[in-house]
Amino acid sequence: MEDHGGQVTGEPRRALLDAVEDRAGLMCRSEQRVCRILARRIDPAMEPAAYSVLAAARMLGPCRVTDLAASLGMGNPGVSGHVAALQRLGLVERGPSDGDDRSHPVVLTAEGARRIDEARLSRRRSFRRQLQGWDPADVVELAGLLSRFSAAYLAAREPAAEVPDPRGAHRAGTGLPGPSAGQ
């Protein structure tokens, strides 16, 4: 249904938004697959999340584990584990402390920079091939829409998860389990 301004409303709008959510989920799964492939090209045993840590270290430059974790939305212990794995592979090292023994920055080695740059170049070539037949105006529009979507997505609060109570009760409005009626 359209309102007087030509906007899609009601059930058709919900269906369109559901389709966008489905496609966004598909893109996330595709991105995970791509990260897995790129990680394995760097080292067959590398975890996809370690690839993300390596890419973030390249983007941020020398930084603390807490900076990497914040950038990636991951926990410090998980990032620390990935940094340790990357160190064993010779792709990162821990730099000198700035006076606080807990803050040895993560620094890419020359080999780490070479490998991540090679993987990113391969990825960019793939993107260019995939969009090669597109009209340039469509590519410009896609870039703008993806930027706008990404900004809105990152600015949004996390959705409340509907967590079922084993007794079947939910706390209204929170998505959290609550006491059953009569308790």
N, C-alpha and C. Protein backbone atom coordinates (compact mmCIF):
# COMPACT_ATOMS: atom_id res chain seq x y z
N MET A 1 0.85 -1.17 0.00
CA MET A 1 0.00 0.00 0.00
C MET A 1 0.89 1.23 0.00
N GLU A 2 0.49 2.28 -0.68
CA GLU A 2 1.23 3.54 -0.71
C GLU A 2 0.41 4.62 -0.06
N ASP A 3 1.11 5.54 0.65
CA ASP A 3 0.39 6.69 1.19
C ASP A 3 0.33 7.76 0.10
N HIS A 4 -0.15 8.94 0.43
CA HIS A 4 -0.33 9.99 -0.58
C HIS A 4 0.99 10.51 -1.13
N GLY A 5 2.08 10.30 -0.44
CA GLY A 5 3.39 10.76 -0.92
C GLY A 5 4.12 9.72 -1.75
N GLY A 6 3.45 8.59 -2.05
CA GLY A 6 4.09 7.56 -2.85
C GLY A 6 4.96 6.61 -2.03
N GLN A 7 4.89 6.71 -0.69
CA GLN A 7 5.69 5.87 0.18
C GLN A 7 5.00 4.53 0.41
N VAL A 8 5.76 3.45 0.42
CA VAL A 8 5.21 2.13 0.71
C VAL A 8 4.99 2.05 2.22
N THR A 9 3.79 1.64 2.62
CA THR A 9 3.45 1.57 4.04
C THR A 9 2.80 0.23 4.36
N GLY A 10 2.53 0.03 5.63
CA GLY A 10 1.81 -1.15 6.08
C GLY A 10 2.55 -2.44 5.82
N GLU A 11 1.79 -3.47 5.48
CA GLU A 11 2.35 -4.81 5.27
C GLU A 11 3.37 -4.85 4.13
N PRO A 12 3.13 -4.17 2.99
CA PRO A 12 4.16 -4.18 1.94
C PRO A 12 5.50 -3.61 2.41
N ARG A 13 5.46 -2.56 3.24
CA ARG A 13 6.71 -1.99 3.78
C ARG A 13 7.40 -2.99 4.69
N ARG A 14 6.61 -3.66 5.56
CA ARG A 14 7.21 -4.66 6.44
C ARG A 14 7.85 -5.78 5.62
N ALA A 15 7.20 -6.19 4.55
CA ALA A 15 7.76 -7.24 3.69
C ALA A 15 9.07 -6.77 3.05
N LEU A 16 9.11 -5.51 2.60
CA LEU A 16 10.35 -4.97 2.02
C LEU A 16 11.46 -4.91 3.06
N LEU A 17 11.14 -4.45 4.27
CA LEU A 17 12.14 -4.38 5.33
C LEU A 17 12.62 -5.76 5.73
N ASP A 18 11.71 -6.74 5.75
CA ASP A 18 12.12 -8.12 6.02
C ASP A 18 13.07 -8.63 4.94
N ALA A 19 12.80 -8.27 3.69
CA ALA A 19 13.68 -8.68 2.59
C ALA A 19 15.06 -8.04 2.74
N VAL A 20 15.11 -6.77 3.16
CA VAL A 20 16.39 -6.10 3.39
C VAL A 20 17.14 -6.81 4.51
N GLU A 21 16.43 -7.16 5.58
CA GLU A 21 17.07 -7.85 6.71
C GLU A 21 17.62 -9.20 6.24
N ASP A 22 16.85 -9.91 5.42
CA ASP A 22 17.32 -11.19 4.88
C ASP A 22 18.60 -11.01 4.07
N ARG A 23 18.63 -9.98 3.21
CA ARG A 23 19.80 -9.73 2.37
C ARG A 23 20.99 -9.29 3.21
N ALA A 24 20.75 -8.50 4.25
CA ALA A 24 21.85 -8.08 5.15
C ALA A 24 22.43 -9.30 5.85
N GLY A 25 21.58 -10.22 6.29
CA GLY A 25 22.07 -11.45 6.92
C GLY A 25 22.89 -12.27 5.94
N LEU A 26 22.41 -12.34 4.71
CA LEU A 26 23.14 -13.07 3.67
C LEU A 26 24.51 -12.43 3.42
N MET A 27 24.55 -11.10 3.40
CA MET A 27 25.83 -10.41 3.22
C MET A 27 26.77 -10.70 4.38
N CYS A 28 26.25 -10.74 5.60
CA CYS A 28 27.10 -11.05 6.76
C CYS A 28 27.67 -12.46 6.65
N ARG A 29 26.83 -13.40 6.26
CA ARG A 29 27.33 -14.78 6.10
C ARG A 29 28.35 -14.86 4.97
N SER A 30 28.12 -14.13 3.90
CA SER A 30 29.08 -14.10 2.79
C SER A 30 30.40 -13.49 3.25
N GLU A 31 30.32 -12.44 4.04
CA GLU A 31 31.53 -11.80 4.56
C GLU A 31 32.31 -12.77 5.45
N GLN A 32 31.62 -13.53 6.26
CA GLN A 32 32.29 -14.53 7.10
C GLN A 32 33.00 -15.57 6.23
N ARG A 33 32.35 -15.98 5.16
CA ARG A 33 32.95 -16.95 4.24
C ARG A 33 34.19 -16.36 3.57
N VAL A 34 34.10 -15.10 3.15
CA VAL A 34 35.24 -14.43 2.52
C VAL A 34 36.40 -14.32 3.51
N CYS A 35 36.10 -13.93 4.76
CA CYS A 35 37.16 -13.83 5.77
C CYS A 35 37.81 -15.18 6.02
N ARG A 36 37.01 -16.24 6.01
CA ARG A 36 37.56 -17.59 6.20
C ARG A 36 38.51 -17.93 5.06
N ILE A 37 38.12 -17.62 3.83
CA ILE A 37 38.96 -17.90 2.66
C ILE A 37 40.25 -17.08 2.73
N LEU A 38 40.12 -15.79 3.03
CA LEU A 38 41.31 -14.93 3.09
C LEU A 38 42.24 -15.36 4.22
N ALA A 39 41.67 -15.75 5.36
CA ALA A 39 42.49 -16.21 6.48
C ALA A 39 43.27 -17.46 6.08
N ARG A 40 42.61 -18.39 5.41
CA ARG A 40 43.27 -19.64 5.01
C ARG A 40 44.35 -19.40 3.97
N ARG A 41 44.19 -18.36 3.15
CA ARG A 41 45.25 -18.02 2.19
C ARG A 41 46.50 -17.53 2.92
N ILE A 42 46.29 -16.84 4.03
CA ILE A 42 47.44 -16.35 4.80
C ILE A 42 48.10 -17.51 5.53
N ASP A 43 47.28 -18.34 6.18
CA ASP A 43 47.79 -19.54 6.85
C ASP A 43 46.64 -20.52 6.98
N PRO A 44 46.86 -21.77 6.60
CA PRO A 44 45.76 -22.75 6.63
C PRO A 44 45.08 -22.92 7.99
N ALA A 45 45.79 -22.64 9.07
CA ALA A 45 45.22 -22.82 10.40
C ALA A 45 44.59 -21.54 10.96
N MET A 46 44.68 -20.43 10.22
CA MET A 46 44.20 -19.15 10.75
C MET A 46 42.67 -19.11 10.84
N GLU A 47 42.19 -18.65 11.97
CA GLU A 47 40.76 -18.45 12.19
C GLU A 47 40.31 -17.18 11.47
N PRO A 48 39.06 -17.15 10.97
CA PRO A 48 38.56 -15.93 10.33
C PRO A 48 38.62 -14.70 11.23
N ALA A 49 38.35 -14.88 12.51
CA ALA A 49 38.42 -13.74 13.44
C ALA A 49 39.85 -13.22 13.57
N ALA A 50 40.83 -14.11 13.46
CA ALA A 50 42.23 -13.66 13.51
C ALA A 50 42.55 -12.82 12.29
N TYR A 51 41.96 -13.19 11.14
CA TYR A 51 42.13 -12.36 9.94
C TYR A 51 41.58 -10.96 10.21
N SER A 52 40.42 -10.88 10.84
CA SER A 52 39.82 -9.58 11.16
C SER A 52 40.71 -8.77 12.09
N VAL A 53 41.33 -9.44 13.05
CA VAL A 53 42.26 -8.76 13.96
C VAL A 53 43.47 -8.25 13.19
N LEU A 54 43.99 -9.07 12.29
CA LEU A 54 45.14 -8.66 11.48
C LEU A 54 44.78 -7.46 10.59
N ALA A 55 43.61 -7.50 9.97
CA ALA A 55 43.16 -6.38 9.13
C ALA A 55 42.97 -5.12 9.95
N ALA A 56 42.41 -5.25 11.16
CA ALA A 56 42.22 -4.08 12.03
C ALA A 56 43.57 -3.52 12.48
N ALA A 57 44.52 -4.40 12.76
CA ALA A 57 45.85 -3.93 13.15
C ALA A 57 46.50 -3.15 12.00
N ARG A 58 46.25 -3.58 10.77
CA ARG A 58 46.78 -2.86 9.61
C ARG A 58 46.13 -1.49 9.50
N MET A 59 44.82 -1.45 9.70
CA MET A 59 44.08 -0.20 9.57
C MET A 59 44.42 0.79 10.70
N LEU A 60 44.53 0.29 11.93
CA LEU A 60 44.74 1.17 13.08
C LEU A 60 46.20 1.54 13.30
N GLY A 61 47.11 0.71 12.82
CA GLY A 61 48.52 0.93 13.13
C GLY A 61 48.81 0.41 14.52
N PRO A 62 50.00 0.68 15.05
CA PRO A 62 50.31 0.18 16.38
C PRO A 62 49.24 0.61 17.39
N CYS A 63 48.68 -0.37 18.09
CA CYS A 63 47.60 -0.08 19.03
C CYS A 63 47.53 -1.17 20.09
N ARG A 64 46.80 -0.87 21.16
CA ARG A 64 46.62 -1.82 22.24
C ARG A 64 45.56 -2.86 21.86
N VAL A 65 45.59 -3.98 22.54
CA VAL A 65 44.58 -5.02 22.34
C VAL A 65 43.19 -4.43 22.60
N THR A 66 43.07 -3.58 23.61
CA THR A 66 41.76 -2.98 23.91
C THR A 66 41.25 -2.14 22.74
N ASP A 67 42.16 -1.47 22.02
CA ASP A 67 41.75 -0.69 20.85
C ASP A 67 41.25 -1.61 19.73
N LEU A 68 41.96 -2.71 19.51
CA LEU A 68 41.54 -3.69 18.50
C LEU A 68 40.17 -4.26 18.87
N ALA A 69 40.02 -4.63 20.15
CA ALA A 69 38.76 -5.22 20.61
C ALA A 69 37.60 -4.24 20.41
N ALA A 70 37.81 -2.98 20.75
CA ALA A 70 36.76 -1.98 20.59
C ALA A 70 36.43 -1.78 19.11
N SER A 71 37.45 -1.75 18.28
CA SER A 71 37.24 -1.56 16.84
C SER A 71 36.44 -2.70 16.23
N LEU A 72 36.65 -3.91 16.72
CA LEU A 72 36.01 -5.09 16.15
C LEU A 72 34.74 -5.52 16.88
N GLY A 73 34.47 -4.89 18.02
CA GLY A 73 33.31 -5.31 18.80
C GLY A 73 33.50 -6.68 19.43
N MET A 74 34.74 -6.99 19.77
CA MET A 74 35.07 -8.30 20.36
C MET A 74 35.57 -8.06 21.78
N GLY A 75 35.63 -9.12 22.56
CA GLY A 75 36.15 -9.04 23.91
C GLY A 75 37.68 -9.05 23.93
N ASN A 76 38.26 -8.41 24.93
CA ASN A 76 39.72 -8.36 25.06
C ASN A 76 40.35 -9.76 25.11
N PRO A 77 39.79 -10.71 25.88
CA PRO A 77 40.42 -12.03 25.93
C PRO A 77 40.46 -12.72 24.57
N GLY A 78 39.39 -12.63 23.81
CA GLY A 78 39.37 -13.23 22.47
C GLY A 78 40.40 -12.60 21.56
N VAL A 79 40.47 -11.27 21.57
CA VAL A 79 41.45 -10.58 20.73
C VAL A 79 42.86 -10.93 21.17
N SER A 80 43.09 -11.00 22.48
CA SER A 80 44.42 -11.38 22.98
C SER A 80 44.83 -12.75 22.47
N GLY A 81 43.88 -13.68 22.44
CA GLY A 81 44.17 -15.02 21.92
C GLY A 81 44.52 -14.98 20.44
N HIS A 82 43.80 -14.18 19.68
CA HIS A 82 44.10 -14.06 18.25
C HIS A 82 45.45 -13.37 18.04
N VAL A 83 45.74 -12.37 18.85
CA VAL A 83 47.04 -11.69 18.74
C VAL A 83 48.17 -12.70 19.03
N ALA A 84 47.98 -13.53 20.05
CA ALA A 84 49.00 -14.54 20.37
C ALA A 84 49.20 -15.50 19.19
N ALA A 85 48.09 -15.92 18.55
CA ALA A 85 48.20 -16.81 17.39
C ALA A 85 48.92 -16.10 16.24
N LEU A 86 48.60 -14.83 16.03
CA LEU A 86 49.25 -14.05 14.97
C LEU A 86 50.74 -13.86 15.26
N GLN A 87 51.08 -13.72 16.55
CA GLN A 87 52.49 -13.63 16.93
C GLN A 87 53.22 -14.92 16.59
N ARG A 88 52.61 -16.06 16.90
CA ARG A 88 53.24 -17.36 16.60
C ARG A 88 53.47 -17.53 15.10
N LEU A 89 52.60 -16.92 14.28
CA LEU A 89 52.76 -16.98 12.83
C LEU A 89 53.74 -15.94 12.31
N GLY A 90 54.23 -15.07 13.20
CA GLY A 90 55.18 -14.04 12.80
C GLY A 90 54.54 -12.87 12.06
N LEU A 91 53.22 -12.68 12.25
CA LEU A 91 52.52 -11.62 11.52
C LEU A 91 52.38 -10.34 12.34
N VAL A 92 52.43 -10.45 13.66
CA VAL A 92 52.42 -9.27 14.54
C VAL A 92 53.45 -9.50 15.63
N GLU A 93 53.81 -8.41 16.28
CA GLU A 93 54.67 -8.48 17.45
C GLU A 93 54.17 -7.47 18.46
N ARG A 94 54.62 -7.60 19.69
CA ARG A 94 54.23 -6.64 20.71
C ARG A 94 55.36 -5.61 20.83
N GLY A 95 55.00 -4.35 20.65
CA GLY A 95 55.97 -3.28 20.68
C GLY A 95 56.35 -2.88 22.09
N PRO A 96 57.24 -1.92 22.22
CA PRO A 96 57.65 -1.47 23.54
C PRO A 96 56.50 -0.75 24.26
N SER A 97 56.47 -0.94 25.56
CA SER A 97 55.43 -0.34 26.39
C SER A 97 55.65 1.16 26.51
N ASP A 98 54.57 1.89 26.70
CA ASP A 98 54.68 3.33 26.91
C ASP A 98 54.72 3.66 28.40
N GLY A 99 55.32 2.76 29.19
CA GLY A 99 55.42 2.96 30.63
C GLY A 99 54.49 2.06 31.41
N ASP A 100 53.45 1.58 30.80
CA ASP A 100 52.51 0.68 31.45
C ASP A 100 52.75 -0.71 30.88
N ASP A 101 53.21 -1.63 31.71
CA ASP A 101 53.56 -2.97 31.23
C ASP A 101 52.40 -3.71 30.59
N ARG A 102 51.16 -3.27 30.88
CA ARG A 102 50.00 -3.94 30.29
C ARG A 102 49.68 -3.43 28.89
N SER A 103 50.36 -2.39 28.44
CA SER A 103 49.96 -1.74 27.18
C SER A 103 50.99 -1.88 26.07
N HIS A 104 51.60 -3.04 25.95
CA HIS A 104 52.50 -3.27 24.82
C HIS A 104 51.66 -3.25 23.54
N PRO A 105 51.92 -2.31 22.64
CA PRO A 105 51.07 -2.22 21.44
C PRO A 105 51.30 -3.40 20.50
N VAL A 106 50.25 -3.71 19.78
CA VAL A 106 50.31 -4.73 18.73
C VAL A 106 50.80 -4.03 17.48
N VAL A 107 51.86 -4.57 16.87
CA VAL A 107 52.47 -3.97 15.70
C VAL A 107 52.60 -5.05 14.61
N LEU A 108 52.19 -4.71 13.41
CA LEU A 108 52.36 -5.65 12.30
C LEU A 108 53.85 -5.82 12.00
N THR A 109 54.24 -7.04 11.70
CA THR A 109 55.59 -7.26 11.19
C THR A 109 55.56 -6.95 9.69
N ALA A 110 56.73 -6.88 9.09
CA ALA A 110 56.78 -6.65 7.64
C ALA A 110 56.04 -7.78 6.91
N GLU A 111 56.21 -9.01 7.40
CA GLU A 111 55.53 -10.15 6.78
C GLU A 111 54.01 -10.04 6.97
N GLY A 112 53.57 -9.62 8.14
CA GLY A 112 52.14 -9.44 8.40
C GLY A 112 51.55 -8.38 7.49
N ALA A 113 52.26 -7.26 7.32
CA ALA A 113 51.79 -6.20 6.43
C ALA A 113 51.72 -6.70 4.99
N ARG A 114 52.74 -7.45 4.57
CA ARG A 114 52.76 -7.96 3.21
C ARG A 114 51.58 -8.90 2.96
N ARG A 115 51.35 -9.80 3.90
CA ARG A 115 50.28 -10.79 3.70
C ARG A 115 48.89 -10.18 3.75
N ILE A 116 48.67 -9.25 4.67
CA ILE A 116 47.33 -8.65 4.74
C ILE A 116 47.10 -7.74 3.54
N ASP A 117 48.13 -7.04 3.10
CA ASP A 117 47.98 -6.19 1.91
C ASP A 117 47.69 -7.04 0.67
N GLU A 118 48.34 -8.17 0.57
CA GLU A 118 48.11 -9.10 -0.55
C GLU A 118 46.67 -9.62 -0.52
N ALA A 119 46.19 -10.00 0.66
CA ALA A 119 44.82 -10.50 0.79
C ALA A 119 43.80 -9.42 0.45
N ARG A 120 44.04 -8.20 0.93
CA ARG A 120 43.12 -7.09 0.66
C ARG A 120 43.11 -6.74 -0.82
N LEU A 121 44.28 -6.79 -1.47
CA LEU A 121 44.35 -6.51 -2.91
C LEU A 121 43.56 -7.56 -3.69
N SER A 122 43.70 -8.81 -3.31
CA SER A 122 42.94 -9.89 -3.95
C SER A 122 41.44 -9.66 -3.78
N ARG A 123 41.05 -9.25 -2.59
CA ARG A 123 39.64 -8.99 -2.32
C ARG A 123 39.12 -7.83 -3.17
N ARG A 124 39.91 -6.77 -3.28
CA ARG A 124 39.50 -5.62 -4.09
C ARG A 124 39.37 -5.99 -5.56
N ARG A 125 40.29 -6.80 -6.05
CA ARG A 125 40.19 -7.25 -7.44
C ARG A 125 38.90 -8.02 -7.66
N SER A 126 38.55 -8.86 -6.70
CA SER A 126 37.31 -9.64 -6.79
C SER A 126 36.09 -8.71 -6.82
N PHE A 127 36.06 -7.71 -5.97
CA PHE A 127 34.96 -6.75 -5.96
C PHE A 127 34.85 -6.04 -7.31
N ARG A 128 35.98 -5.64 -7.83
CA ARG A 128 35.97 -4.95 -9.13
C ARG A 128 35.40 -5.84 -10.23
N ARG A 129 35.80 -7.12 -10.21
CA ARG A 129 35.26 -8.06 -11.21
C ARG A 129 33.76 -8.22 -11.05
N GLN A 130 33.29 -8.33 -9.81
CA GLN A 130 31.87 -8.54 -9.56
C GLN A 130 31.03 -7.35 -10.01
N LEU A 131 31.58 -6.16 -9.94
CA LEU A 131 30.83 -4.96 -10.30
C LEU A 131 31.20 -4.42 -11.68
N GLN A 132 32.02 -5.15 -12.41
CA GLN A 132 32.53 -4.70 -13.69
C GLN A 132 31.43 -4.32 -14.68
N GLY A 133 30.38 -5.09 -14.78
CA GLY A 133 29.33 -4.82 -15.76
C GLY A 133 28.28 -3.83 -15.29
N TRP A 134 28.42 -3.32 -14.09
CA TRP A 134 27.43 -2.40 -13.54
C TRP A 134 27.59 -1.01 -14.16
N ASP A 135 26.49 -0.34 -14.31
CA ASP A 135 26.51 1.06 -14.73
C ASP A 135 27.19 1.88 -13.64
N PRO A 136 28.10 2.79 -14.00
CA PRO A 136 28.79 3.58 -12.98
C PRO A 136 27.85 4.32 -12.02
N ALA A 137 26.72 4.79 -12.53
CA ALA A 137 25.76 5.49 -11.66
C ALA A 137 25.19 4.53 -10.61
N ASP A 138 25.00 3.27 -10.99
CA ASP A 138 24.51 2.28 -10.02
C ASP A 138 25.55 2.01 -8.94
N VAL A 139 26.83 1.98 -9.32
CA VAL A 139 27.90 1.76 -8.35
C VAL A 139 27.95 2.94 -7.38
N VAL A 140 27.82 4.15 -7.89
CA VAL A 140 27.81 5.35 -7.03
C VAL A 140 26.62 5.27 -6.07
N GLU A 141 25.45 4.92 -6.60
CA GLU A 141 24.26 4.81 -5.76
C GLU A 141 24.43 3.72 -4.70
N LEU A 142 24.98 2.57 -5.10
CA LEU A 142 25.21 1.48 -4.16
C LEU A 142 26.14 1.92 -3.04
N ALA A 143 27.23 2.59 -3.40
CA ALA A 143 28.18 3.07 -2.38
C ALA A 143 27.48 4.00 -1.39
N GLY A 144 26.67 4.91 -1.89
CA GLY A 144 25.95 5.83 -1.02
C GLY A 144 24.95 5.12 -0.12
N LEU A 145 24.20 4.20 -0.70
CA LEU A 145 23.20 3.47 0.09
C LEU A 145 23.86 2.57 1.13
N LEU A 146 24.96 1.91 0.76
CA LEU A 146 25.66 1.07 1.74
C LEU A 146 26.24 1.92 2.87
N SER A 147 26.77 3.09 2.54
CA SER A 147 27.30 3.98 3.58
C SER A 147 26.19 4.42 4.53
N ARG A 148 25.06 4.79 3.95
CA ARG A 148 23.93 5.24 4.76
C ARG A 148 23.39 4.10 5.63
N PHE A 149 23.26 2.91 5.04
CA PHE A 149 22.78 1.75 5.79
C PHE A 149 23.76 1.40 6.91
N SER A 150 25.04 1.38 6.60
CA SER A 150 26.05 1.04 7.59
C SER A 150 26.03 2.01 8.76
N ALA A 151 25.92 3.29 8.47
CA ALA A 151 25.87 4.30 9.54
C ALA A 151 24.64 4.09 10.42
N ALA A 152 23.49 3.83 9.81
CA ALA A 152 22.26 3.60 10.59
C ALA A 152 22.37 2.31 11.39
N TYR A 153 22.93 1.29 10.78
CA TYR A 153 23.06 -0.02 11.42
C TYR A 153 23.98 0.08 12.63
N LEU A 154 25.11 0.77 12.46
CA LEU A 154 26.06 0.89 13.56
C LEU A 154 25.56 1.81 14.67
N ALA A 155 24.71 2.76 14.33
CA ALA A 155 24.19 3.69 15.32
C ALA A 155 23.03 3.10 16.11
N ALA A 156 22.40 2.06 15.58
CA ALA A 156 21.23 1.47 16.23
C ALA A 156 21.63 0.73 17.50
N ARG A 157 20.73 0.74 18.44
CA ARG A 157 20.93 -0.07 19.64
C ARG A 157 20.71 -1.52 19.29
N GLU A 158 21.28 -2.41 20.09
CA GLU A 158 21.08 -3.83 19.84
C GLU A 158 19.62 -4.17 20.04
N PRO A 159 19.09 -5.04 19.20
CA PRO A 159 17.70 -5.45 19.39
C PRO A 159 17.56 -6.31 20.64
N ALA A 160 16.44 -6.18 21.32
CA ALA A 160 16.18 -7.02 22.48
C ALA A 160 15.93 -8.43 22.00
N ALA A 161 16.61 -9.36 22.59
CA ALA A 161 16.44 -10.76 22.21
C ALA A 161 15.27 -11.34 22.99
N GLU A 162 14.43 -12.05 22.30
CA GLU A 162 13.33 -12.74 22.97
C GLU A 162 13.90 -14.03 23.52
N VAL A 163 14.15 -14.04 24.81
CA VAL A 163 14.70 -15.22 25.46
C VAL A 163 13.57 -15.90 26.21
N PRO A 164 13.18 -17.08 25.76
CA PRO A 164 12.05 -17.74 26.43
C PRO A 164 12.42 -18.23 27.82
N ASP A 165 11.52 -18.04 28.73
CA ASP A 165 11.65 -18.58 30.08
C ASP A 165 11.25 -20.05 29.99
N PRO A 166 11.94 -20.95 30.65
CA PRO A 166 11.55 -22.36 30.58
C PRO A 166 10.09 -22.58 30.97
N ARG A 167 9.55 -21.67 31.78
CA ARG A 167 8.14 -21.79 32.19
C ARG A 167 7.22 -21.11 31.18
N GLY A 168 7.80 -20.46 30.13
CA GLY A 168 6.98 -19.85 29.09
C GLY A 168 6.65 -18.39 29.33
N ALA A 169 7.19 -17.76 30.38
CA ALA A 169 6.86 -16.36 30.68
C ALA A 169 7.95 -15.44 30.15
N HIS A 170 7.58 -14.21 29.82
CA HIS A 170 8.53 -13.18 29.39
C HIS A 170 8.25 -11.92 30.19
N ARG A 171 9.30 -11.17 30.44
CA ARG A 171 9.12 -9.88 31.07
C ARG A 171 8.71 -8.91 29.99
N ALA A 172 7.55 -8.30 30.11
CA ALA A 172 6.98 -7.43 29.08
C ALA A 172 7.90 -6.29 28.74
N GLY A 173 8.07 -6.08 27.43
CA GLY A 173 8.80 -4.92 26.93
C GLY A 173 10.30 -5.05 26.94
N THR A 174 10.84 -6.09 27.59
CA THR A 174 12.30 -6.19 27.68
C THR A 174 12.87 -7.31 26.85
N GLY A 175 12.03 -8.28 26.51
CA GLY A 175 12.55 -9.44 25.81
C GLY A 175 13.27 -10.39 26.74
N LEU A 176 13.27 -10.07 28.04
CA LEU A 176 13.95 -10.90 29.02
C LEU A 176 12.96 -11.79 29.75
N PRO A 177 13.40 -12.95 30.18
CA PRO A 177 12.50 -13.82 30.91
C PRO A 177 12.08 -13.15 32.22
N GLY A 178 10.88 -13.43 32.63
CA GLY A 178 10.39 -12.90 33.89
C GLY A 178 9.67 -13.98 34.66
N PRO A 179 9.26 -13.65 35.86
CA PRO A 179 8.56 -14.65 36.66
C PRO A 179 7.21 -15.00 36.04
N SER A 180 6.82 -16.24 36.19
CA SER A 180 5.52 -16.66 35.69
C SER A 180 4.43 -16.00 36.50
N ALA A 181 3.28 -15.83 35.86
CA ALA A 181 2.15 -15.26 36.58
C ALA A 181 1.83 -16.14 37.76
N GLY A 182 1.54 -15.53 38.87
CA GLY A 182 1.19 -16.27 40.07
C GLY A 182 2.38 -16.53 40.97
N GLN A 183 3.58 -16.10 40.61
CA GLN A 183 4.73 -16.31 41.48
C GLN A 183 5.02 -15.09 42.28
